[in-house]
Every structure is written in C-alpha cells, then in structure tokens.
Amino acid sequence: MGLDFLVFTGGIGEHDAEVRAEICDGLSWLGINLDLAENQLSKGTISHSTSGCLVRVRHSQEDAQIAAHTWKLAASRISSIDSTDNGDGH
C-alpha cells in the first residue's frame, strides 16, 4: 500500500510551507519525505530524492476556473431567456 503522487494546490496548498510539512509528516507512513528547502520555495517538486512518493506544488489558476464557470452559466441563462422570448417582451 502506498501513494505514487501528492499535489498541493489552491491557496493554502500553494502558499503555506508549514502546513504542507505538517501534512506530509502525518503521511510519512506512506514513505513521503519532504525536501525542506524546496518546500520553502513553494513551487515544483518538494519531495526529497529519497521519498517513496513524488510531492509537488502546482499553481491552480482558480480565478480562471471561476471565470470560465461563470461565463458558461451566464451564457446558458441568456440562451434560456432567448429561447422563451416570443418577441412581445414577455
């Protein structure tokens, strides 16, 4: 039993090295071993070369995802309104 790959992303996952270290310490039974210097850099691979699991920090682009979902929802609502409009304003 083990873990092949662990990714930290989103606000805390991307920006809080202490939280990442605590989480990985709690998962050490899975063979996770962080490179503490790389963890402080908060980018790319942060696992030590002796780790049994690859650990990475990945930028999530949450703003772009929110914008894309909002655009899709707004477009579907406009399409729905257009399809029910019979031209008399009702």
PDB file of N, CA and C in Angstrom:
ATOM      1  N   MET A   1       0.856  -1.179   0.000  1.00  0.00           N
ATOM      2  CA  MET A   1       0.000   0.000   0.000  1.00  0.00           C
ATOM      3  C   MET A   1       0.899   1.239   0.000  1.00  0.00           C
ATOM      4  N   GLY A   2       0.516   2.238  -0.774  1.00  0.00           N
ATOM      5  CA  GLY A   2       1.312   3.445  -0.825  1.00  0.00           C
ATOM      6  C   GLY A   2       0.643   4.511  -1.661  1.00  0.00           C
ATOM      7  N   LEU A   3       1.384   5.539  -1.899  1.00  0.00           N
ATOM      8  CA  LEU A   3       0.910   6.678  -2.666  1.00  0.00           C
ATOM      9  C   LEU A   3       1.977   7.005  -3.696  1.00  0.00           C
ATOM     10  N   ASP A   4       1.566   7.201  -4.943  1.00  0.00           N
ATOM     11  CA  ASP A   4       2.533   7.493  -6.000  1.00  0.00           C
ATOM     12  C   ASP A   4       2.814   8.977  -6.152  1.00  0.00           C
ATOM     13  N   PHE A   5       1.777   9.809  -5.923  1.00  0.00           N
ATOM     14  CA  PHE A   5       1.886  11.223  -6.268  1.00  0.00           C
ATOM     15  C   PHE A   5       0.982  12.043  -5.358  1.00  0.00           C
ATOM     16  N   LEU A   6       1.493  13.123  -4.794  1.00  0.00           N
ATOM     17  CA  LEU A   6       0.720  14.020  -3.949  1.00  0.00           C
ATOM     18  C   LEU A   6       0.920  15.441  -4.468  1.00  0.00           C
ATOM     19  N   VAL A   7      -0.187  16.149  -4.686  1.00  0.00           N
ATOM     20  CA  VAL A   7      -0.124  17.512  -5.208  1.00  0.00           C
ATOM     21  C   VAL A   7      -0.786  18.466  -4.221  1.00  0.00           C
ATOM     22  N   PHE A   8      -0.108  19.553  -3.923  1.00  0.00           N
ATOM     23  CA  PHE A   8      -0.673  20.637  -3.131  1.00  0.00           C
ATOM     24  C   PHE A   8      -1.014  21.771  -4.081  1.00  0.00           C
ATOM     25  N   THR A   9      -2.225  22.287  -3.985  1.00  0.00           N
ATOM     26  CA  THR A   9      -2.676  23.347  -4.869  1.00  0.00           C
ATOM     27  C   THR A   9      -3.678  24.227  -4.140  1.00  0.00           C
ATOM     28  N   GLY A  10      -4.076  25.308  -4.749  1.00  0.00           N
ATOM     29  CA  GLY A  10      -5.025  26.220  -4.108  1.00  0.00           C
ATOM     30  C   GLY A  10      -4.325  27.043  -3.037  1.00  0.00           C
ATOM     31  N   GLY A  11      -5.025  28.017  -2.500  1.00  0.00           N
ATOM     32  CA  GLY A  11      -4.464  28.984  -1.565  1.00  0.00           C
ATOM     33  C   GLY A  11      -3.472  28.443  -0.557  1.00  0.00           C
ATOM     34  N   ILE A  12      -3.922  27.616   0.374  1.00  0.00           N
ATOM     35  CA  ILE A  12      -3.038  27.108   1.419  1.00  0.00           C
ATOM     36  C   ILE A  12      -2.028  26.130   0.846  1.00  0.00           C
ATOM     37  N   GLY A  13      -2.479  25.245  -0.025  1.00  0.00           N
ATOM     38  CA  GLY A  13      -1.574  24.259  -0.614  1.00  0.00           C
ATOM     39  C   GLY A  13      -0.420  24.873  -1.371  1.00  0.00           C
ATOM     40  N   GLU A  14      -0.679  26.001  -2.009  1.00  0.00           N
ATOM     41  CA  GLU A  14       0.371  26.675  -2.781  1.00  0.00           C
ATOM     42  C   GLU A  14       1.277  27.554  -1.928  1.00  0.00           C
ATOM     43  N   HIS A  15       0.739  28.113  -0.845  1.00  0.00           N
ATOM     44  CA  HIS A  15       1.450  29.202  -0.168  1.00  0.00           C
ATOM     45  C   HIS A  15       1.868  28.940   1.270  1.00  0.00           C
ATOM     46  N   ASP A  16       1.564  27.784   1.841  1.00  0.00           N
ATOM     47  CA  ASP A  16       1.879  27.567   3.255  1.00  0.00           C
ATOM     48  C   ASP A  16       2.784  26.346   3.430  1.00  0.00           C
ATOM     49  N   ALA A  17       4.081  26.597   3.463  1.00  0.00           N
ATOM     50  CA  ALA A  17       5.067  25.520   3.594  1.00  0.00           C
ATOM     51  C   ALA A  17       4.915  24.773   4.911  1.00  0.00           C
ATOM     52  N   GLU A  18       4.549  25.472   5.967  1.00  0.00           N
ATOM     53  CA  GLU A  18       4.397  24.822   7.275  1.00  0.00           C
ATOM     54  C   GLU A  18       3.253  23.804   7.257  1.00  0.00           C
ATOM     55  N   VAL A  19       2.135  24.178   6.663  1.00  0.00           N
ATOM     56  CA  VAL A  19       1.005  23.252   6.566  1.00  0.00           C
ATOM     57  C   VAL A  19       1.385  22.042   5.716  1.00  0.00           C
ATOM     58  N   ARG A  20       2.061  22.273   4.586  1.00  0.00           N
ATOM     59  CA  ARG A  20       2.486  21.148   3.739  1.00  0.00           C
ATOM     60  C   ARG A  20       3.390  20.207   4.522  1.00  0.00           C
ATOM     61  N   ALA A  21       4.332  20.774   5.288  1.00  0.00           N
ATOM     62  CA  ALA A  21       5.264  19.956   6.076  1.00  0.00           C
ATOM     63  C   ALA A  21       4.519  19.133   7.124  1.00  0.00           C
ATOM     64  N   GLU A  22       3.543  19.737   7.794  1.00  0.00           N
ATOM     65  CA  GLU A  22       2.772  19.015   8.809  1.00  0.00           C
ATOM     66  C   GLU A  22       1.955  17.886   8.184  1.00  0.00           C
ATOM     67  N   ILE A  23       1.333  18.158   7.046  1.00  0.00           N
ATOM     68  CA  ILE A  23       0.548  17.126   6.362  1.00  0.00           C
ATOM     69  C   ILE A  23       1.459  15.974   5.951  1.00  0.00           C
ATOM     70  N   CYS A  24       2.580  16.285   5.338  1.00  0.00           N
ATOM     71  CA  CYS A  24       3.488  15.237   4.879  1.00  0.00           C
ATOM     72  C   CYS A  24       4.092  14.474   6.050  1.00  0.00           C
ATOM     73  N   ASP A  25       4.340  15.140   7.165  1.00  0.00           N
ATOM     74  CA  ASP A  25       4.839  14.456   8.350  1.00  0.00           C
ATOM     75  C   ASP A  25       3.809  13.422   8.821  1.00  0.00           C
ATOM     76  N   GLY A  26       2.539  13.800   8.787  1.00  0.00           N
ATOM     77  CA  GLY A  26       1.477  12.881   9.174  1.00  0.00           C
ATOM     78  C   GLY A  26       1.291  11.725   8.194  1.00  0.00           C
ATOM     79  N   LEU A  27       1.793  11.900   6.977  1.00  0.00           N
ATOM     80  CA  LEU A  27       1.692  10.855   5.952  1.00  0.00           C
ATOM     81  C   LEU A  27       3.019  10.128   5.740  1.00  0.00           C
ATOM     82  N   SER A  28       3.942  10.291   6.663  1.00  0.00           N
ATOM     83  CA  SER A  28       5.265   9.674   6.497  1.00  0.00           C
ATOM     84  C   SER A  28       5.185   8.154   6.403  1.00  0.00           C
ATOM     85  N   TRP A  29       4.148   7.569   6.970  1.00  0.00           N
ATOM     86  CA  TRP A  29       3.964   6.109   6.884  1.00  0.00           C
ATOM     87  C   TRP A  29       3.764   5.649   5.438  1.00  0.00           C
ATOM     88  N   LEU A  30       3.439   6.617   4.547  1.00  0.00           N
ATOM     89  CA  LEU A  30       3.309   6.295   3.121  1.00  0.00           C
ATOM     90  C   LEU A  30       4.638   6.430   2.381  1.00  0.00           C
ATOM     91  N   GLY A  31       5.688   6.762   3.112  1.00  0.00           N
ATOM     92  CA  GLY A  31       7.005   6.912   2.501  1.00  0.00           C
ATOM     93  C   GLY A  31       7.321   8.325   2.038  1.00  0.00           C
ATOM     94  N   ILE A  32       6.480   9.291   2.417  1.00  0.00           N
ATOM     95  CA  ILE A  32       6.692  10.675   1.999  1.00  0.00           C
ATOM     96  C   ILE A  32       7.822  11.295   2.818  1.00  0.00           C
ATOM     97  N   ASN A  33       8.744  11.926   2.124  1.00  0.00           N
ATOM     98  CA  ASN A  33       9.872  12.597   2.749  1.00  0.00           C
ATOM     99  C   ASN A  33      10.106  13.909   1.998  1.00  0.00           C
ATOM    100  N   LEU A  34       9.840  15.040   2.653  1.00  0.00           N
ATOM    101  CA  LEU A  34       9.987  16.346   2.001  1.00  0.00           C
ATOM    102  C   LEU A  34      11.421  16.832   1.989  1.00  0.00           C
ATOM    103  N   ASP A  35      11.754  17.576   0.972  1.00  0.00           N
ATOM    104  CA  ASP A  35      12.989  18.359   0.929  1.00  0.00           C
ATOM    105  C   ASP A  35      12.599  19.709   1.534  1.00  0.00           C
ATOM    106  N   LEU A  36      13.040  19.978   2.745  1.00  0.00           N
ATOM    107  CA  LEU A  36      12.573  21.167   3.470  1.00  0.00           C
ATOM    108  C   LEU A  36      12.926  22.465   2.758  1.00  0.00           C
ATOM    109  N   ALA A  37      14.081  22.518   2.104  1.00  0.00           N
ATOM    110  CA  ALA A  37      14.468  23.729   1.375  1.00  0.00           C
ATOM    111  C   ALA A  37      13.548  23.948   0.171  1.00  0.00           C
ATOM    112  N   GLU A  38      13.280  22.894  -0.576  1.00  0.00           N
ATOM    113  CA  GLU A  38      12.386  23.002  -1.736  1.00  0.00           C
ATOM    114  C   GLU A  38      10.967  23.348  -1.294  1.00  0.00           C
ATOM    115  N   ASN A  39      10.533  22.793  -0.175  1.00  0.00           N
ATOM    116  CA  ASN A  39       9.196  23.088   0.348  1.00  0.00           C
ATOM    117  C   ASN A  39       9.045  24.583   0.615  1.00  0.00           C
ATOM    118  N   GLN A  40      10.083  25.223   1.105  1.00  0.00           N
ATOM    119  CA  GLN A  40      10.029  26.662   1.383  1.00  0.00           C
ATOM    120  C   GLN A  40       9.879  27.498   0.110  1.00  0.00           C
ATOM    121  N   LEU A  41      10.320  26.969  -1.022  1.00  0.00           N
ATOM    122  CA  LEU A  41      10.223  27.693  -2.297  1.00  0.00           C
ATOM    123  C   LEU A  41       8.807  27.682  -2.869  1.00  0.00           C
ATOM    124  N   SER A  42       7.987  26.737  -2.421  1.00  0.00           N
ATOM    125  CA  SER A  42       6.568  26.655  -2.808  1.00  0.00           C
ATOM    126  C   SER A  42       6.331  26.519  -4.312  1.00  0.00           C
ATOM    127  N   LYS A  43       7.193  25.778  -4.992  1.00  0.00           N
ATOM    128  CA  LYS A  43       6.948  25.538  -6.416  1.00  0.00           C
ATOM    129  C   LYS A  43       7.634  24.258  -6.853  1.00  0.00           C
ATOM    130  N   GLY A  44       7.016  23.599  -7.811  1.00  0.00           N
ATOM    131  CA  GLY A  44       7.604  22.399  -8.377  1.00  0.00           C
ATOM    132  C   GLY A  44       7.642  21.226  -7.409  1.00  0.00           C
ATOM    133  N   THR A  45       8.627  20.378  -7.594  1.00  0.00           N
ATOM    134  CA  THR A  45       8.779  19.194  -6.761  1.00  0.00           C
ATOM    135  C   THR A  45       9.365  19.577  -5.415  1.00  0.00           C
ATOM    136  N   ILE A  46       8.701  19.149  -4.349  1.00  0.00           N
ATOM    137  CA  ILE A  46       9.158  19.467  -2.993  1.00  0.00           C
ATOM    138  C   ILE A  46       9.527  18.216  -2.200  1.00  0.00           C
ATOM    139  N   SER A  47       9.398  17.039  -2.825  1.00  0.00           N
ATOM    140  CA  SER A  47       9.791  15.810  -2.137  1.00  0.00           C
ATOM    141  C   SER A  47      11.300  15.623  -2.240  1.00  0.00           C
ATOM    142  N   HIS A  48      11.857  14.964  -1.239  1.00  0.00           N
ATOM    143  CA  HIS A  48      13.281  14.646  -1.210  1.00  0.00           C
ATOM    144  C   HIS A  48      13.538  13.505  -2.188  1.00  0.00           C
ATOM    145  N   SER A  49      14.741  13.390  -2.672  1.00  0.00           N
ATOM    146  CA  SER A  49      15.070  12.320  -3.628  1.00  0.00           C
ATOM    147  C   SER A  49      14.895  10.934  -3.013  1.00  0.00           C
ATOM    148  N   THR A  50      14.902  10.837  -1.693  1.00  0.00           N
ATOM    149  CA  THR A  50      14.711   9.550  -1.019  1.00  0.00           C
ATOM    150  C   THR A  50      13.241   9.237  -0.733  1.00  0.00           C
ATOM    151  N   SER A  51      12.347  10.142  -1.112  1.00  0.00           N
ATOM    152  CA  SER A  51      10.921   9.958  -0.841  1.00  0.00           C
ATOM    153  C   SER A  51      10.348   8.820  -1.669  1.00  0.00           C
ATOM    154  N   GLY A  52       9.453   8.065  -1.067  1.00  0.00           N
ATOM    155  CA  GLY A  52       8.773   6.993  -1.780  1.00  0.00           C
ATOM    156  C   GLY A  52       7.606   7.496  -2.608  1.00  0.00           C
ATOM    157  N   CYS A  53       7.356   8.806  -2.549  1.00  0.00           N
ATOM    158  CA  CYS A  53       6.223   9.414  -3.245  1.00  0.00           C
ATOM    159  C   CYS A  53       6.654  10.783  -3.769  1.00  0.00           C
ATOM    160  N   LEU A  54       6.308  11.083  -4.985  1.00  0.00           N
ATOM    161  CA  LEU A  54       6.583  12.388  -5.561  1.00  0.00           C
ATOM    162  C   LEU A  54       5.585  13.398  -4.997  1.00  0.00           C
ATOM    163  N   VAL A  55       6.080  14.511  -4.459  1.00  0.00           N
ATOM    164  CA  VAL A  55       5.225  15.562  -3.902  1.00  0.00           C
ATOM    165  C   VAL A  55       5.530  16.854  -4.644  1.00  0.00           C
ATOM    166  N   ARG A  56       4.457  17.497  -5.138  1.00  0.00           N
ATOM    167  CA  ARG A  56       4.629  18.725  -5.924  1.00  0.00           C
ATOM    168  C   ARG A  56       3.671  19.812  -5.453  1.00  0.00           C
ATOM    169  N   VAL A  57       4.047  21.044  -5.734  1.00  0.00           N
ATOM    170  CA  VAL A  57       3.168  22.204  -5.548  1.00  0.00           C
ATOM    171  C   VAL A  57       2.799  22.670  -6.946  1.00  0.00           C
ATOM    172  N   ARG A  58       1.511  22.875  -7.171  1.00  0.00           N
ATOM    173  CA  ARG A  58       1.020  23.234  -8.512  1.00  0.00           C
ATOM    174  C   ARG A  58       0.111  24.448  -8.412  1.00  0.00           C
ATOM    175  N   HIS A  59       0.366  25.454  -9.229  1.00  0.00           N
ATOM    176  CA  HIS A  59      -0.482  26.634  -9.293  1.00  0.00           C
ATOM    177  C   HIS A  59      -1.831  26.238  -9.863  1.00  0.00           C
ATOM    178  N   SER A  60      -2.917  26.673  -9.226  1.00  0.00           N
ATOM    179  CA  SER A  60      -4.241  26.174  -9.596  1.00  0.00           C
ATOM    180  C   SER A  60      -5.025  27.039 -10.574  1.00  0.00           C
ATOM    181  N   GLN A  61      -4.687  28.282 -10.735  1.00  0.00           N
ATOM    182  CA  GLN A  61      -5.417  29.191 -11.620  1.00  0.00           C
ATOM    183  C   GLN A  61      -6.907  29.226 -11.288  1.00  0.00           C
ATOM    184  N   GLU A  62      -7.192  29.358  -9.981  1.00  0.00           N
ATOM    185  CA  GLU A  62      -8.585  29.364  -9.524  1.00  0.00           C
ATOM    186  C   GLU A  62      -9.401  30.482 -10.168  1.00  0.00           C
ATOM    187  N   ASP A  63      -8.805  31.651 -10.335  1.00  0.00           N
ATOM    188  CA  ASP A  63      -9.534  32.784 -10.930  1.00  0.00           C
ATOM    189  C   ASP A  63     -10.026  32.448 -12.333  1.00  0.00           C
ATOM    190  N   ALA A  64      -9.182  31.809 -13.122  1.00  0.00           N
ATOM    191  CA  ALA A  64      -9.570  31.449 -14.488  1.00  0.00           C
ATOM    192  C   ALA A  64     -10.700  30.415 -14.479  1.00  0.00           C
ATOM    193  N   GLN A  65     -10.638  29.467 -13.555  1.00  0.00           N
ATOM    194  CA  GLN A  65     -11.699  28.459 -13.452  1.00  0.00           C
ATOM    195  C   GLN A  65     -13.027  29.089 -13.051  1.00  0.00           C
ATOM    196  N   ILE A  66     -12.993  30.003 -12.087  1.00  0.00           N
ATOM    197  CA  ILE A  66     -14.217  30.693 -11.657  1.00  0.00           C
ATOM    198  C   ILE A  66     -14.797  31.492 -12.819  1.00  0.00           C
ATOM    199  N   ALA A  67     -13.942  32.201 -13.548  1.00  0.00           N
ATOM    200  CA  ALA A  67     -14.408  33.000 -14.680  1.00  0.00           C
ATOM    201  C   ALA A  67     -15.027  32.111 -15.763  1.00  0.00           C
ATOM    202  N   ALA A  68     -14.398  30.977 -16.040  1.00  0.00           N
ATOM    203  CA  ALA A  68     -14.916  30.072 -17.078  1.00  0.00           C
ATOM    204  C   ALA A  68     -16.274  29.508 -16.679  1.00  0.00           C
ATOM    205  N   HIS A  69     -16.419  29.104 -15.428  1.00  0.00           N
ATOM    206  CA  HIS A  69     -17.702  28.567 -14.969  1.00  0.00           C
ATOM    207  C   HIS A  69     -18.790  29.647 -14.958  1.00  0.00           C
ATOM    208  N   THR A  70     -18.423  30.860 -14.574  1.00  0.00           N
ATOM    209  CA  THR A  70     -19.378  31.967 -14.557  1.00  0.00           C
ATOM    210  C   THR A  70     -19.841  32.289 -15.972  1.00  0.00           C
ATOM    211  N   TRP A  71     -18.900  32.339 -16.901  1.00  0.00           N
ATOM    212  CA  TRP A  71     -19.226  32.613 -18.307  1.00  0.00           C
ATOM    213  C   TRP A  71     -20.176  31.552 -18.856  1.00  0.00           C
ATOM    214  N   LYS A  72     -19.891  30.281 -18.575  1.00  0.00           N
ATOM    215  CA  LYS A  72     -20.729  29.193 -19.063  1.00  0.00           C
ATOM    216  C   LYS A  72     -22.141  29.287 -18.478  1.00  0.00           C
ATOM    217  N   LEU A  73     -22.240  29.575 -17.187  1.00  0.00           N
ATOM    218  CA  LEU A  73     -23.546  29.703 -16.548  1.00  0.00           C
ATOM    219  C   LEU A  73     -24.323  30.884 -17.119  1.00  0.00           C
ATOM    220  N   ALA A  74     -23.659  32.033 -17.266  1.00  0.00           N
ATOM    221  CA  ALA A  74     -24.325  33.223 -17.811  1.00  0.00           C
ATOM    222  C   ALA A  74     -24.790  32.961 -19.241  1.00  0.00           C
ATOM    223  N   ALA A  75     -23.969  32.320 -20.042  1.00  0.00           N
ATOM    224  CA  ALA A  75     -24.335  32.035 -21.428  1.00  0.00           C
ATOM    225  C   ALA A  75     -25.547  31.100 -21.501  1.00  0.00           C
ATOM    226  N   SER A  76     -25.599  30.123 -20.614  1.00  0.00           N
ATOM    227  CA  SER A  76     -26.739  29.206 -20.635  1.00  0.00           C
ATOM    228  C   SER A  76     -28.019  29.908 -20.193  1.00  0.00           C
ATOM    229  N   ARG A  77     -27.903  30.850 -19.267  1.00  0.00           N
ATOM    230  CA  ARG A  77     -29.078  31.605 -18.824  1.00  0.00           C
ATOM    231  C   ARG A  77     -29.584  32.523 -19.938  1.00  0.00           C
ATOM    232  N   ILE A  78     -28.679  33.175 -20.629  1.00  0.00           N
ATOM    233  CA  ILE A  78     -29.060  34.064 -21.733  1.00  0.00           C
ATOM    234  C   ILE A  78     -29.718  33.250 -22.837  1.00  0.00           C
ATOM    235  N   SER A  79     -29.148  32.093 -23.140  1.00  0.00           N
ATOM    236  CA  SER A  79     -29.723  31.220 -24.163  1.00  0.00           C
ATOM    237  C   SER A  79     -31.127  30.775 -23.762  1.00  0.00           C
ATOM    238  N   SER A  80     -31.314  30.482 -22.498  1.00  0.00           N
ATOM    239  CA  SER A  80     -32.623  30.059 -21.997  1.00  0.00           C
ATOM    240  C   SER A  80     -33.643  31.185 -22.121  1.00  0.00           C
ATOM    241  N   ILE A  81     -33.245  32.403 -21.812  1.00  0.00           N
ATOM    242  CA  ILE A  81     -34.139  33.567 -21.920  1.00  0.00           C
ATOM    243  C   ILE A  81     -34.490  33.814 -23.382  1.00  0.00           C
ATOM    244  N   ASP A  82     -33.474  33.751 -24.265  1.00  0.00           N
ATOM    245  CA  ASP A  82     -33.714  33.968 -25.693  1.00  0.00           C
ATOM    246  C   ASP A  82     -34.687  32.946 -26.276  1.00  0.00           C
ATOM    247  N   SER A  83     -34.603  31.703 -25.807  1.00  0.00           N
ATOM    248  CA  SER A  83     -35.467  30.670 -26.382  1.00  0.00           C
ATOM    249  C   SER A  83     -36.918  30.774 -25.907  1.00  0.00           C
ATOM    250  N   THR A  84     -37.145  31.492 -24.804  1.00  0.00           N
ATOM    251  CA  THR A  84     -38.524  31.655 -24.315  1.00  0.00           C
ATOM    252  C   THR A  84     -39.138  32.992 -24.711  1.00  0.00           C
ATOM    253  N   ASP A  85     -38.351  33.870 -25.330  1.00  0.00           N
ATOM    254  CA  ASP A  85     -38.842  35.179 -25.736  1.00  0.00           C
ATOM    255  C   ASP A  85     -39.620  35.049 -27.038  1.00  0.00           C
ATOM    256  N   ASN A  86     -40.909  35.416 -26.996  1.00  0.00           N
ATOM    257  CA  ASN A  86     -41.723  35.294 -28.202  1.00  0.00           C
ATOM    258  C   ASN A  86     -41.833  36.599 -28.974  1.00  0.00           C
ATOM    259  N   GLY A  87     -41.025  37.569 -28.592  1.00  0.00           N
ATOM    260  CA  GLY A  87     -40.962  38.821 -29.340  1.00  0.00           C
ATOM    261  C   GLY A  87     -41.897  39.898 -28.840  1.00  0.00           C
ATOM    262  N   ASP A  88     -42.766  39.586 -27.891  1.00  0.00           N
ATOM    263  CA  ASP A  88     -43.686  40.616 -27.403  1.00  0.00           C
ATOM    264  C   ASP A  88     -43.239  41.182 -26.046  1.00  0.00           C
ATOM    265  N   GLY A  89     -41.989  40.851 -25.624  1.00  0.00           N
ATOM    266  CA  GLY A  89     -41.478  41.381 -24.375  1.00  0.00           C
ATOM    267  C   GLY A  89     -41.855  40.575 -23.150  1.00  0.00           C
ATOM    268  N   HIS A  90     -42.568  39.483 -23.340  1.00  0.00           N
ATOM    269  CA  HIS A  90     -42.983  38.636 -22.196  1.00  0.00           C
ATOM    270  C   HIS A  90     -42.332  37.288 -22.260  1.00  0.00           C
TER     271      HIS A  90
END
